[in-house]
N, C-alpha and C. Protein backbone atom coordinates (compact mmCIF):
# COMPACT_ATOMS: atom_id res chain seq x y z
N UNK A 1 12.81 -11.25 15.13
CA UNK A 1 11.88 -10.13 15.09
C UNK A 1 12.65 -8.88 15.51
N UNK A 2 12.33 -7.79 14.83
CA UNK A 2 12.97 -6.52 15.14
C UNK A 2 12.51 -6.03 16.52
N UNK A 3 13.25 -5.08 17.06
CA UNK A 3 12.91 -4.51 18.37
C UNK A 3 11.61 -3.71 18.28
N UNK A 4 10.97 -3.53 19.41
CA UNK A 4 9.77 -2.69 19.48
C UNK A 4 10.14 -1.26 19.13
N UNK A 5 9.20 -0.51 18.56
CA UNK A 5 9.48 0.87 18.18
C UNK A 5 8.17 1.63 18.02
N UNK A 6 8.28 2.93 17.93
CA UNK A 6 7.16 3.81 17.59
C UNK A 6 7.67 4.78 16.53
N UNK A 7 6.78 5.21 15.66
CA UNK A 7 7.16 6.08 14.55
C UNK A 7 5.98 6.98 14.20
N UNK A 8 6.24 8.26 13.97
CA UNK A 8 5.19 9.18 13.53
C UNK A 8 5.10 9.07 12.00
N UNK A 9 4.11 8.37 11.51
CA UNK A 9 4.01 8.01 10.10
C UNK A 9 3.99 9.22 9.16
N UNK A 10 3.26 10.30 9.46
CA UNK A 10 3.23 11.42 8.51
C UNK A 10 4.61 12.03 8.22
N UNK A 11 5.53 11.94 9.19
CA UNK A 11 6.85 12.55 9.03
C UNK A 11 7.92 11.57 8.57
N UNK A 12 7.59 10.29 8.43
CA UNK A 12 8.59 9.28 8.09
C UNK A 12 9.16 9.55 6.69
N UNK A 13 10.47 9.46 6.58
CA UNK A 13 11.13 9.62 5.28
C UNK A 13 11.05 8.30 4.53
N UNK A 14 10.59 8.38 3.28
CA UNK A 14 10.40 7.19 2.46
C UNK A 14 11.43 7.16 1.34
N UNK A 15 11.63 5.97 0.79
CA UNK A 15 12.61 5.78 -0.28
C UNK A 15 11.89 5.39 -1.55
N UNK A 16 12.44 5.77 -2.72
CA UNK A 16 11.80 5.41 -3.99
C UNK A 16 11.63 3.90 -4.14
N UNK A 17 10.49 3.50 -4.68
CA UNK A 17 10.23 2.10 -5.00
C UNK A 17 9.83 2.05 -6.47
N UNK A 18 10.47 1.19 -7.23
CA UNK A 18 10.16 1.14 -8.66
C UNK A 18 8.73 0.71 -8.92
N UNK A 19 8.13 1.33 -9.94
CA UNK A 19 6.79 0.98 -10.38
C UNK A 19 6.91 0.59 -11.85
N UNK A 20 6.52 -0.63 -12.18
CA UNK A 20 6.60 -1.12 -13.55
C UNK A 20 5.71 -0.27 -14.45
N UNK A 21 6.26 0.24 -15.54
CA UNK A 21 5.48 1.07 -16.48
C UNK A 21 4.22 0.38 -16.95
N UNK A 22 4.23 -0.95 -17.04
CA UNK A 22 3.06 -1.71 -17.49
C UNK A 22 1.90 -1.59 -16.50
N UNK A 23 2.18 -1.22 -15.26
CA UNK A 23 1.14 -1.07 -14.24
C UNK A 23 0.43 0.27 -14.32
N UNK A 24 1.04 1.26 -14.98
CA UNK A 24 0.50 2.61 -15.02
C UNK A 24 -0.52 2.73 -16.14
N UNK A 25 -1.76 3.05 -15.76
CA UNK A 25 -2.83 3.24 -16.74
C UNK A 25 -3.03 4.72 -17.08
N UNK A 26 -2.71 5.61 -16.13
CA UNK A 26 -2.95 7.04 -16.32
C UNK A 26 -2.07 7.84 -15.37
N UNK A 27 -1.63 9.01 -15.83
CA UNK A 27 -0.84 9.89 -14.98
C UNK A 27 0.61 9.45 -14.89
N UNK A 28 1.30 10.05 -13.92
CA UNK A 28 2.72 9.73 -13.69
C UNK A 28 2.93 9.46 -12.20
N UNK A 29 2.25 8.44 -11.67
CA UNK A 29 2.37 8.18 -10.23
C UNK A 29 3.79 7.77 -9.83
N UNK A 30 4.16 8.21 -8.63
CA UNK A 30 5.47 7.88 -8.05
C UNK A 30 5.21 7.15 -6.74
N UNK A 31 5.92 6.03 -6.56
CA UNK A 31 5.75 5.23 -5.35
C UNK A 31 7.01 5.33 -4.49
N UNK A 32 6.78 5.53 -3.18
CA UNK A 32 7.86 5.51 -2.20
C UNK A 32 7.41 4.65 -1.03
N UNK A 33 8.36 4.20 -0.23
CA UNK A 33 7.98 3.37 0.90
C UNK A 33 9.13 3.15 1.86
N UNK A 34 8.82 2.44 2.91
CA UNK A 34 9.84 2.08 3.90
C UNK A 34 9.38 0.81 4.59
N UNK A 35 10.19 -0.23 4.49
CA UNK A 35 9.94 -1.48 5.20
C UNK A 35 10.45 -1.29 6.62
N UNK A 36 9.56 -1.43 7.60
CA UNK A 36 9.91 -1.14 8.99
C UNK A 36 10.31 -2.38 9.78
N UNK A 37 9.68 -3.52 9.49
CA UNK A 37 10.04 -4.74 10.22
C UNK A 37 9.65 -5.97 9.40
N UNK A 38 10.40 -7.04 9.65
CA UNK A 38 10.16 -8.33 9.01
C UNK A 38 10.26 -9.39 10.10
N UNK A 39 9.29 -10.31 10.12
CA UNK A 39 9.32 -11.38 11.12
C UNK A 39 10.52 -12.30 10.86
N UNK A 40 10.88 -13.08 11.88
CA UNK A 40 12.02 -13.99 11.76
C UNK A 40 11.88 -14.95 10.60
N UNK A 41 10.64 -15.39 10.31
CA UNK A 41 10.43 -16.33 9.20
C UNK A 41 10.25 -15.63 7.86
N UNK A 42 10.29 -14.28 7.85
CA UNK A 42 10.19 -13.52 6.63
C UNK A 42 8.80 -13.39 6.04
N UNK A 43 7.78 -13.88 6.75
CA UNK A 43 6.41 -13.88 6.22
C UNK A 43 5.60 -12.66 6.62
N UNK A 44 5.97 -11.97 7.70
CA UNK A 44 5.23 -10.81 8.18
C UNK A 44 6.03 -9.54 7.87
N UNK A 45 5.47 -8.70 7.01
CA UNK A 45 6.13 -7.45 6.64
C UNK A 45 5.28 -6.29 7.14
N UNK A 46 5.93 -5.28 7.68
CA UNK A 46 5.22 -4.10 8.16
C UNK A 46 5.94 -2.87 7.63
N UNK A 47 5.17 -1.91 7.15
CA UNK A 47 5.84 -0.75 6.59
C UNK A 47 4.90 0.39 6.27
N UNK A 48 5.45 1.34 5.53
CA UNK A 48 4.73 2.53 5.07
C UNK A 48 4.88 2.58 3.56
N UNK A 49 3.80 2.96 2.88
CA UNK A 49 3.81 3.02 1.41
C UNK A 49 3.08 4.27 0.99
N UNK A 50 3.56 4.91 -0.07
CA UNK A 50 2.93 6.13 -0.55
C UNK A 50 2.92 6.13 -2.07
N UNK A 51 1.84 6.67 -2.66
CA UNK A 51 1.72 6.81 -4.10
C UNK A 51 1.08 8.16 -4.42
N UNK A 52 1.64 8.82 -5.44
CA UNK A 52 1.09 10.11 -5.89
C UNK A 52 -0.05 9.85 -6.88
N UNK A 53 -0.84 10.87 -7.21
CA UNK A 53 -2.02 10.66 -8.06
C UNK A 53 -1.72 10.00 -9.41
N UNK A 54 -2.69 9.19 -9.82
CA UNK A 54 -2.63 8.46 -11.08
C UNK A 54 -3.48 7.21 -10.96
N UNK A 55 -3.41 6.37 -11.99
CA UNK A 55 -4.16 5.11 -11.99
C UNK A 55 -3.18 3.99 -12.29
N UNK A 56 -3.16 2.99 -11.41
CA UNK A 56 -2.24 1.86 -11.55
C UNK A 56 -2.98 0.54 -11.28
N UNK A 57 -2.42 -0.54 -11.81
CA UNK A 57 -2.94 -1.87 -11.52
C UNK A 57 -1.95 -2.59 -10.63
N UNK A 58 -2.45 -3.61 -9.92
CA UNK A 58 -1.59 -4.40 -9.04
C UNK A 58 -2.21 -5.76 -8.81
N UNK A 59 -1.39 -6.71 -8.39
CA UNK A 59 -1.86 -7.99 -7.88
C UNK A 59 -1.44 -8.00 -6.42
N UNK A 60 -2.42 -8.14 -5.54
CA UNK A 60 -2.19 -7.90 -4.11
C UNK A 60 -1.65 -9.10 -3.35
N UNK A 61 -1.03 -8.78 -2.23
CA UNK A 61 -0.66 -9.76 -1.21
C UNK A 61 -1.78 -9.77 -0.17
N UNK A 62 -1.70 -10.67 0.79
CA UNK A 62 -2.62 -10.69 1.93
C UNK A 62 -2.21 -9.50 2.82
N UNK A 63 -3.02 -8.44 2.77
CA UNK A 63 -2.61 -7.18 3.39
C UNK A 63 -3.74 -6.52 4.15
N UNK A 64 -3.38 -5.96 5.30
CA UNK A 64 -4.24 -5.05 6.04
C UNK A 64 -3.52 -3.71 6.02
N UNK A 65 -4.24 -2.63 5.68
CA UNK A 65 -3.61 -1.32 5.72
C UNK A 65 -4.55 -0.28 6.30
N UNK A 66 -3.94 0.80 6.81
CA UNK A 66 -4.68 1.94 7.34
C UNK A 66 -4.16 3.17 6.60
N UNK A 67 -5.09 3.93 6.03
CA UNK A 67 -4.73 5.15 5.30
C UNK A 67 -4.44 6.26 6.31
N UNK A 68 -3.29 6.89 6.14
CA UNK A 68 -2.87 7.99 7.01
C UNK A 68 -3.29 9.32 6.40
N UNK A 69 -3.08 9.44 5.08
CA UNK A 69 -3.45 10.67 4.37
C UNK A 69 -3.73 10.34 2.91
N UNK A 70 -4.49 11.22 2.26
CA UNK A 70 -4.81 11.04 0.85
C UNK A 70 -6.09 10.25 0.63
N UNK A 71 -6.42 10.07 -0.65
CA UNK A 71 -7.65 9.37 -1.00
C UNK A 71 -7.44 8.56 -2.26
N UNK A 72 -8.10 7.39 -2.32
CA UNK A 72 -8.04 6.54 -3.50
C UNK A 72 -9.30 5.71 -3.61
N UNK A 73 -9.56 5.26 -4.83
CA UNK A 73 -10.60 4.27 -5.08
C UNK A 73 -9.88 3.02 -5.56
N UNK A 74 -10.14 1.90 -4.90
CA UNK A 74 -9.48 0.64 -5.24
C UNK A 74 -10.56 -0.31 -5.75
N UNK A 75 -10.50 -0.61 -7.03
CA UNK A 75 -11.47 -1.53 -7.62
C UNK A 75 -10.86 -2.93 -7.63
N UNK A 76 -11.54 -3.87 -6.98
CA UNK A 76 -11.10 -5.26 -6.95
C UNK A 76 -11.83 -5.99 -8.07
N UNK A 77 -11.06 -6.59 -8.99
CA UNK A 77 -11.67 -7.33 -10.10
C UNK A 77 -12.58 -8.42 -9.55
N UNK A 78 -13.82 -8.46 -10.04
CA UNK A 78 -14.82 -9.42 -9.57
C UNK A 78 -15.09 -9.29 -8.07
N UNK A 79 -14.93 -8.07 -7.55
CA UNK A 79 -15.15 -7.85 -6.12
C UNK A 79 -15.62 -6.43 -5.87
N UNK A 80 -15.44 -5.97 -4.65
CA UNK A 80 -15.94 -4.65 -4.28
C UNK A 80 -15.07 -3.51 -4.80
N UNK A 81 -15.63 -2.31 -4.75
CA UNK A 81 -14.87 -1.08 -4.97
C UNK A 81 -14.71 -0.43 -3.61
N UNK A 82 -13.47 -0.21 -3.22
CA UNK A 82 -13.15 0.36 -1.91
C UNK A 82 -12.79 1.83 -2.09
N UNK A 83 -13.46 2.69 -1.36
CA UNK A 83 -13.12 4.12 -1.34
C UNK A 83 -12.46 4.40 0.00
N UNK A 84 -11.17 4.76 -0.06
CA UNK A 84 -10.41 4.88 1.19
C UNK A 84 -9.82 6.27 1.33
N UNK A 85 -9.79 6.72 2.59
CA UNK A 85 -9.22 8.02 2.95
C UNK A 85 -8.68 7.95 4.35
N UNK A 86 -8.23 9.07 4.90
CA UNK A 86 -7.60 9.09 6.22
C UNK A 86 -8.43 8.37 7.28
N UNK A 87 -7.79 7.47 8.01
CA UNK A 87 -8.43 6.74 9.08
C UNK A 87 -9.11 5.45 8.65
N UNK A 88 -9.20 5.21 7.34
CA UNK A 88 -9.85 3.98 6.86
C UNK A 88 -8.90 2.79 6.92
N UNK A 89 -9.46 1.65 7.30
CA UNK A 89 -8.75 0.38 7.31
C UNK A 89 -9.30 -0.45 6.16
N UNK A 90 -8.42 -1.14 5.44
CA UNK A 90 -8.85 -2.01 4.35
C UNK A 90 -8.07 -3.31 4.40
N UNK A 91 -8.68 -4.37 3.88
CA UNK A 91 -8.04 -5.68 3.79
C UNK A 91 -8.11 -6.12 2.33
N UNK A 92 -6.96 -6.53 1.80
CA UNK A 92 -6.88 -7.08 0.46
C UNK A 92 -6.44 -8.53 0.56
N UNK A 93 -6.99 -9.36 -0.31
CA UNK A 93 -6.67 -10.79 -0.28
C UNK A 93 -5.53 -11.10 -1.26
N UNK A 94 -4.74 -12.09 -0.90
CA UNK A 94 -3.68 -12.60 -1.77
C UNK A 94 -4.27 -12.90 -3.14
N UNK A 95 -3.67 -12.33 -4.19
CA UNK A 95 -4.10 -12.60 -5.55
C UNK A 95 -5.16 -11.66 -6.09
N UNK A 96 -5.73 -10.79 -5.24
CA UNK A 96 -6.70 -9.80 -5.75
C UNK A 96 -6.03 -8.99 -6.86
N UNK A 97 -6.74 -8.85 -7.97
CA UNK A 97 -6.29 -7.97 -9.06
C UNK A 97 -7.01 -6.65 -8.86
N UNK A 98 -6.24 -5.58 -8.71
CA UNK A 98 -6.83 -4.29 -8.36
C UNK A 98 -6.43 -3.20 -9.35
N UNK A 99 -7.29 -2.18 -9.40
CA UNK A 99 -6.98 -0.94 -10.10
C UNK A 99 -7.12 0.17 -9.06
N UNK A 100 -6.03 0.88 -8.84
CA UNK A 100 -5.99 1.98 -7.87
C UNK A 100 -6.11 3.30 -8.62
N UNK A 101 -7.14 4.06 -8.31
CA UNK A 101 -7.26 5.44 -8.80
C UNK A 101 -6.94 6.33 -7.62
N UNK A 102 -5.78 6.94 -7.66
CA UNK A 102 -5.30 7.76 -6.54
C UNK A 102 -5.68 9.21 -6.83
N UNK A 103 -6.58 9.74 -6.00
CA UNK A 103 -7.10 11.09 -6.18
C UNK A 103 -6.19 12.13 -5.53
N UNK A 104 -5.66 11.80 -4.35
CA UNK A 104 -4.73 12.66 -3.60
C UNK A 104 -3.62 11.75 -3.11
N UNK A 105 -2.39 12.24 -3.08
CA UNK A 105 -1.26 11.42 -2.64
C UNK A 105 -1.66 10.62 -1.39
N UNK A 106 -1.55 9.31 -1.51
CA UNK A 106 -2.01 8.40 -0.46
C UNK A 106 -0.83 7.81 0.29
N UNK A 107 -0.88 7.91 1.61
CA UNK A 107 0.13 7.28 2.47
C UNK A 107 -0.59 6.30 3.38
N UNK A 108 -0.07 5.08 3.46
CA UNK A 108 -0.69 4.06 4.30
C UNK A 108 0.36 3.32 5.10
N UNK A 109 -0.07 2.80 6.24
CA UNK A 109 0.73 1.86 7.02
C UNK A 109 0.15 0.49 6.73
N UNK A 110 1.02 -0.50 6.53
CA UNK A 110 0.53 -1.82 6.13
C UNK A 110 1.17 -2.95 6.92
N UNK A 111 0.45 -4.06 6.93
CA UNK A 111 0.97 -5.33 7.44
C UNK A 111 0.62 -6.38 6.39
N UNK A 112 1.63 -7.04 5.87
CA UNK A 112 1.45 -8.07 4.83
C UNK A 112 1.87 -9.41 5.39
N UNK A 113 1.07 -10.43 5.07
CA UNK A 113 1.43 -11.81 5.41
C UNK A 113 1.70 -12.55 4.09
N UNK A 114 2.92 -13.02 3.92
CA UNK A 114 3.29 -13.75 2.72
C UNK A 114 2.91 -15.23 2.88
N UNK A 115 2.63 -15.91 1.76
CA UNK A 115 2.28 -17.34 1.87
C UNK A 115 3.46 -18.16 2.35
N UNK A 116 3.14 -19.35 2.88
CA UNK A 116 4.21 -20.26 3.35
C UNK A 116 5.00 -20.79 2.21
């Protein structure tokens, strides 16, 4: 496990993360992020993720996230529609098929648990 740390999320510098063109339904969204820590067994990931406005699809991991800035609507196929903005916490289940409509550049802090 990595050492304990604190980080001011709004000012964190992020790195480009590729977004598959097949995932983009509308706009020209750009994704950036930073992986901050990984558990010794590699199953617990913690980091920061950001996406600019547009509409994209994804298949989710088991994730808890908190929105730091921006706004989005996340439609879960055969499930709820989540409207998230600053201060909101959301949980996505492993395998959820989602459509993200990003209204304002969204930055979130996340914790992902990968399957065994």
